[in-house]
N, C-alpha and C. Protein backbone atom coordinates (compact mmCIF):
# COMPACT_ATOMS: atom_id res chain seq x y z
N MET A 1 221.48 113.46 21.10
CA MET A 1 220.79 113.31 22.34
C MET A 1 219.46 114.13 22.38
N ALA A 2 219.56 115.31 21.82
CA ALA A 2 218.37 116.18 21.80
C ALA A 2 217.30 115.58 20.86
N LYS A 3 217.74 114.94 19.75
CA LYS A 3 216.74 114.35 18.87
C LYS A 3 216.02 113.21 19.54
N LYS A 4 216.72 112.39 20.33
CA LYS A 4 216.07 111.30 21.01
C LYS A 4 215.06 111.76 22.01
N LYS A 5 215.32 112.88 22.66
CA LYS A 5 214.39 113.47 23.63
C LYS A 5 213.14 113.98 22.94
N VAL A 6 213.32 114.62 21.79
CA VAL A 6 212.18 115.12 21.02
C VAL A 6 211.31 113.99 20.56
N GLU A 7 211.90 112.86 20.05
CA GLU A 7 211.11 111.72 19.64
C GLU A 7 210.33 111.12 20.81
N GLN A 8 210.92 111.06 21.98
CA GLN A 8 210.25 110.54 23.16
C GLN A 8 209.07 111.40 23.54
N GLU A 9 209.23 112.74 23.50
CA GLU A 9 208.10 113.59 23.83
C GLU A 9 207.02 113.55 22.80
N SER A 10 207.28 113.38 21.50
CA SER A 10 206.27 113.35 20.50
C SER A 10 205.45 112.05 20.53
N LEU A 11 205.99 110.99 21.12
CA LEU A 11 205.24 109.72 21.16
C LEU A 11 204.32 109.58 22.35
N ASP A 12 204.34 110.55 23.26
CA ASP A 12 203.47 110.51 24.43
C ASP A 12 202.11 111.17 24.13
N PHE A 13 201.21 110.37 23.65
CA PHE A 13 199.84 110.93 23.33
C PHE A 13 199.00 110.78 24.57
N PRO A 14 197.99 111.72 24.76
CA PRO A 14 197.15 111.60 25.95
C PRO A 14 196.25 110.34 25.94
N LEU A 15 195.83 109.94 24.73
CA LEU A 15 194.99 108.73 24.63
C LEU A 15 195.75 107.66 23.92
N GLN A 16 195.65 106.47 24.39
CA GLN A 16 196.35 105.35 23.74
C GLN A 16 195.38 104.52 22.87
N LYS A 17 195.87 103.51 22.24
CA LYS A 17 195.06 102.69 21.32
C LYS A 17 193.84 102.13 22.01
N GLU A 18 194.01 101.67 23.29
CA GLU A 18 192.90 101.14 24.01
C GLU A 18 191.79 102.13 24.22
N ASN A 19 192.14 103.36 24.44
CA ASN A 19 191.13 104.45 24.65
C ASN A 19 190.34 104.64 23.35
N TYR A 20 191.02 104.61 22.17
CA TYR A 20 190.33 104.85 20.93
C TYR A 20 189.43 103.68 20.60
N ILE A 21 189.82 102.45 20.95
CA ILE A 21 188.91 101.31 20.74
C ILE A 21 187.69 101.44 21.58
N LEU A 22 187.86 101.88 22.84
CA LEU A 22 186.68 102.05 23.72
C LEU A 22 185.79 103.19 23.23
N LEU A 23 186.38 104.23 22.62
CA LEU A 23 185.61 105.31 22.06
C LEU A 23 184.73 104.84 20.93
N ILE A 24 185.29 103.99 20.08
CA ILE A 24 184.53 103.47 18.96
C ILE A 24 183.37 102.59 19.47
N ILE A 25 183.65 101.81 20.50
CA ILE A 25 182.55 100.92 21.07
C ILE A 25 181.48 101.83 21.67
N GLY A 26 181.87 102.91 22.38
CA GLY A 26 180.84 103.84 22.89
C GLY A 26 180.02 104.49 21.77
N PHE A 27 180.68 104.83 20.73
CA PHE A 27 179.97 105.44 19.59
C PHE A 27 178.96 104.44 18.99
N ALA A 28 179.37 103.19 18.91
CA ALA A 28 178.44 102.18 18.41
C ALA A 28 177.24 101.99 19.36
N ILE A 29 177.45 102.07 20.65
CA ILE A 29 176.38 101.96 21.60
C ILE A 29 175.39 103.11 21.41
N ILE A 30 175.92 104.34 21.25
CA ILE A 30 175.05 105.50 20.99
C ILE A 30 174.25 105.33 19.71
N MET A 31 174.90 104.87 18.68
CA MET A 31 174.19 104.65 17.39
C MET A 31 173.08 103.61 17.52
N LEU A 32 173.36 102.57 18.33
CA LEU A 32 172.34 101.54 18.57
C LEU A 32 171.14 102.15 19.27
N GLY A 33 171.37 103.04 20.24
CA GLY A 33 170.27 103.67 20.90
C GLY A 33 169.42 104.53 19.93
N PHE A 34 170.09 105.25 19.05
CA PHE A 34 169.30 106.01 18.10
C PHE A 34 168.58 105.15 17.06
N LEU A 35 169.15 104.01 16.75
CA LEU A 35 168.46 103.11 15.82
C LEU A 35 167.23 102.49 16.53
N LEU A 36 167.31 102.28 17.86
CA LEU A 36 166.14 101.81 18.57
C LEU A 36 165.02 102.84 18.58
N MET A 37 165.35 104.07 18.46
CA MET A 37 164.31 105.15 18.52
C MET A 37 163.56 105.26 17.17
N MET A 38 164.12 104.73 16.12
CA MET A 38 163.52 104.87 14.80
C MET A 38 162.17 104.14 14.65
N GLY A 39 161.39 104.56 13.67
CA GLY A 39 160.16 103.91 13.33
C GLY A 39 158.95 104.47 14.00
N GLY A 40 157.82 103.82 13.77
CA GLY A 40 156.56 104.25 14.41
C GLY A 40 155.76 105.24 13.69
N LYS A 41 156.18 105.56 12.41
CA LYS A 41 155.38 106.59 11.71
C LYS A 41 154.14 105.95 11.12
N SER A 42 153.20 106.81 10.83
CA SER A 42 151.93 106.34 10.27
C SER A 42 151.96 106.52 8.76
N ASP A 43 151.31 105.59 8.07
CA ASP A 43 151.30 105.70 6.58
C ASP A 43 150.41 106.86 6.15
N ASP A 44 149.37 107.11 6.91
CA ASP A 44 148.45 108.21 6.60
C ASP A 44 148.66 109.32 7.63
N PRO A 45 149.02 110.53 7.19
CA PRO A 45 149.28 111.64 8.10
C PRO A 45 148.08 112.05 8.96
N ASN A 46 146.89 111.65 8.54
CA ASN A 46 145.66 112.03 9.25
C ASN A 46 145.29 111.04 10.37
N VAL A 47 146.04 109.95 10.45
CA VAL A 47 145.77 108.95 11.44
C VAL A 47 146.92 108.89 12.43
N PHE A 48 146.55 108.92 13.73
CA PHE A 48 147.56 108.91 14.78
C PHE A 48 147.96 107.43 15.02
N ASN A 49 149.27 107.19 15.17
CA ASN A 49 149.80 105.86 15.38
C ASN A 49 150.29 105.76 16.82
N GLU A 50 149.76 104.89 17.64
CA GLU A 50 150.14 104.71 19.03
C GLU A 50 151.49 104.02 19.14
N GLU A 51 152.02 103.52 18.06
CA GLU A 51 153.28 102.79 18.07
C GLU A 51 154.45 103.63 18.47
N ILE A 52 154.37 104.96 18.38
CA ILE A 52 155.48 105.81 18.77
C ILE A 52 155.67 105.85 20.29
N PHE A 53 154.71 105.39 21.06
CA PHE A 53 154.82 105.46 22.51
C PHE A 53 155.07 104.09 23.13
N ASN A 54 155.75 103.21 22.45
CA ASN A 54 156.03 101.88 23.03
C ASN A 54 157.30 101.92 23.90
N PHE A 55 157.52 100.85 24.64
CA PHE A 55 158.61 100.76 25.60
C PHE A 55 159.96 101.00 24.93
N ARG A 56 160.16 100.44 23.77
CA ARG A 56 161.46 100.52 23.08
C ARG A 56 161.86 101.98 22.79
N ARG A 57 160.92 102.76 22.30
CA ARG A 57 161.25 104.09 21.91
C ARG A 57 161.23 105.09 23.07
N ILE A 58 160.42 104.88 24.06
CA ILE A 58 160.29 105.84 25.14
C ILE A 58 161.25 105.55 26.29
N THR A 59 161.54 104.31 26.55
CA THR A 59 162.35 103.96 27.74
C THR A 59 163.70 103.34 27.38
N LEU A 60 163.71 102.31 26.62
CA LEU A 60 164.94 101.55 26.37
C LEU A 60 165.93 102.36 25.55
N ALA A 61 165.53 102.97 24.44
CA ALA A 61 166.47 103.69 23.61
C ALA A 61 167.12 104.86 24.34
N PRO A 62 166.44 105.69 25.06
CA PRO A 62 167.16 106.78 25.82
C PRO A 62 168.11 106.23 26.88
N ILE A 63 167.79 105.12 27.52
CA ILE A 63 168.70 104.53 28.48
C ILE A 63 169.97 104.01 27.79
N VAL A 64 169.83 103.48 26.63
CA VAL A 64 171.00 102.93 25.86
C VAL A 64 171.83 104.12 25.38
N VAL A 65 171.25 105.21 24.93
CA VAL A 65 172.01 106.38 24.51
C VAL A 65 172.74 107.01 25.74
N LEU A 66 172.08 107.10 26.86
CA LEU A 66 172.70 107.64 28.02
C LEU A 66 173.88 106.80 28.51
N PHE A 67 173.71 105.48 28.48
CA PHE A 67 174.78 104.57 28.79
C PHE A 67 175.98 104.77 27.83
N GLY A 68 175.66 104.97 26.54
CA GLY A 68 176.68 105.21 25.53
C GLY A 68 177.52 106.47 25.83
N PHE A 69 176.88 107.56 26.23
CA PHE A 69 177.56 108.79 26.59
C PHE A 69 178.42 108.57 27.84
N ILE A 70 177.86 107.88 28.83
CA ILE A 70 178.65 107.62 30.03
C ILE A 70 179.86 106.76 29.73
N PHE A 71 179.70 105.78 28.85
CA PHE A 71 180.76 104.92 28.43
C PHE A 71 181.85 105.73 27.71
N GLU A 72 181.41 106.70 26.87
CA GLU A 72 182.38 107.58 26.18
C GLU A 72 183.22 108.39 27.16
N ILE A 73 182.56 108.92 28.20
CA ILE A 73 183.30 109.68 29.21
C ILE A 73 184.32 108.81 29.93
N TRP A 74 183.90 107.59 30.28
CA TRP A 74 184.78 106.64 30.91
C TRP A 74 185.94 106.30 30.02
N ALA A 75 185.67 106.08 28.70
CA ALA A 75 186.74 105.74 27.76
C ALA A 75 187.79 106.87 27.67
N ILE A 76 187.35 108.11 27.73
CA ILE A 76 188.29 109.18 27.70
C ILE A 76 189.11 109.29 28.96
N MET A 77 188.43 109.14 30.08
CA MET A 77 189.09 109.31 31.40
C MET A 77 189.92 108.10 31.77
N LYS A 78 189.76 106.95 31.19
CA LYS A 78 190.49 105.75 31.55
C LYS A 78 191.98 105.95 31.35
N LYS A 79 192.70 105.65 32.38
CA LYS A 79 194.17 105.83 32.31
C LYS A 79 194.74 104.55 31.68
N PRO A 80 195.60 104.74 30.66
CA PRO A 80 196.13 103.53 30.03
C PRO A 80 197.11 102.83 30.92
N LYS A 81 197.26 101.54 30.72
CA LYS A 81 198.17 100.73 31.56
C LYS A 81 199.62 101.13 31.27
N GLU A 82 200.43 101.18 32.27
CA GLU A 82 201.87 101.45 32.11
C GLU A 82 202.59 100.28 31.51
N ALA A 83 203.38 100.59 30.51
CA ALA A 83 204.16 99.48 29.85
C ALA A 83 205.39 99.19 30.76
N LYS A 84 205.66 97.88 30.96
CA LYS A 84 206.80 97.48 31.76
C LYS A 84 208.03 97.65 30.93
N SER A 85 209.01 98.43 31.42
CA SER A 85 210.26 98.63 30.71
C SER A 85 211.36 97.83 31.39
N GLU A 86 211.86 96.81 30.71
CA GLU A 86 212.84 95.96 31.26
C GLU A 86 214.01 95.86 30.29
């Protein structure tokens, strides 16, 4: 009887499979935001390239990264659904 109770306690993880899948999705969103920030360098270091100040790098990418971090927090805090025991 004691062994059954120990097995039951060891299987209660704070995060379930659904939470880990959501964490991976959030990580992918964050990586997408950082990929959107890439680029815009100049071939000649003596020439300034205005391409680094476009909408994608200044506005869109930081919003995507911020959404990814908020999604990560939600994925951790999400309570897993209770399994019906019948």
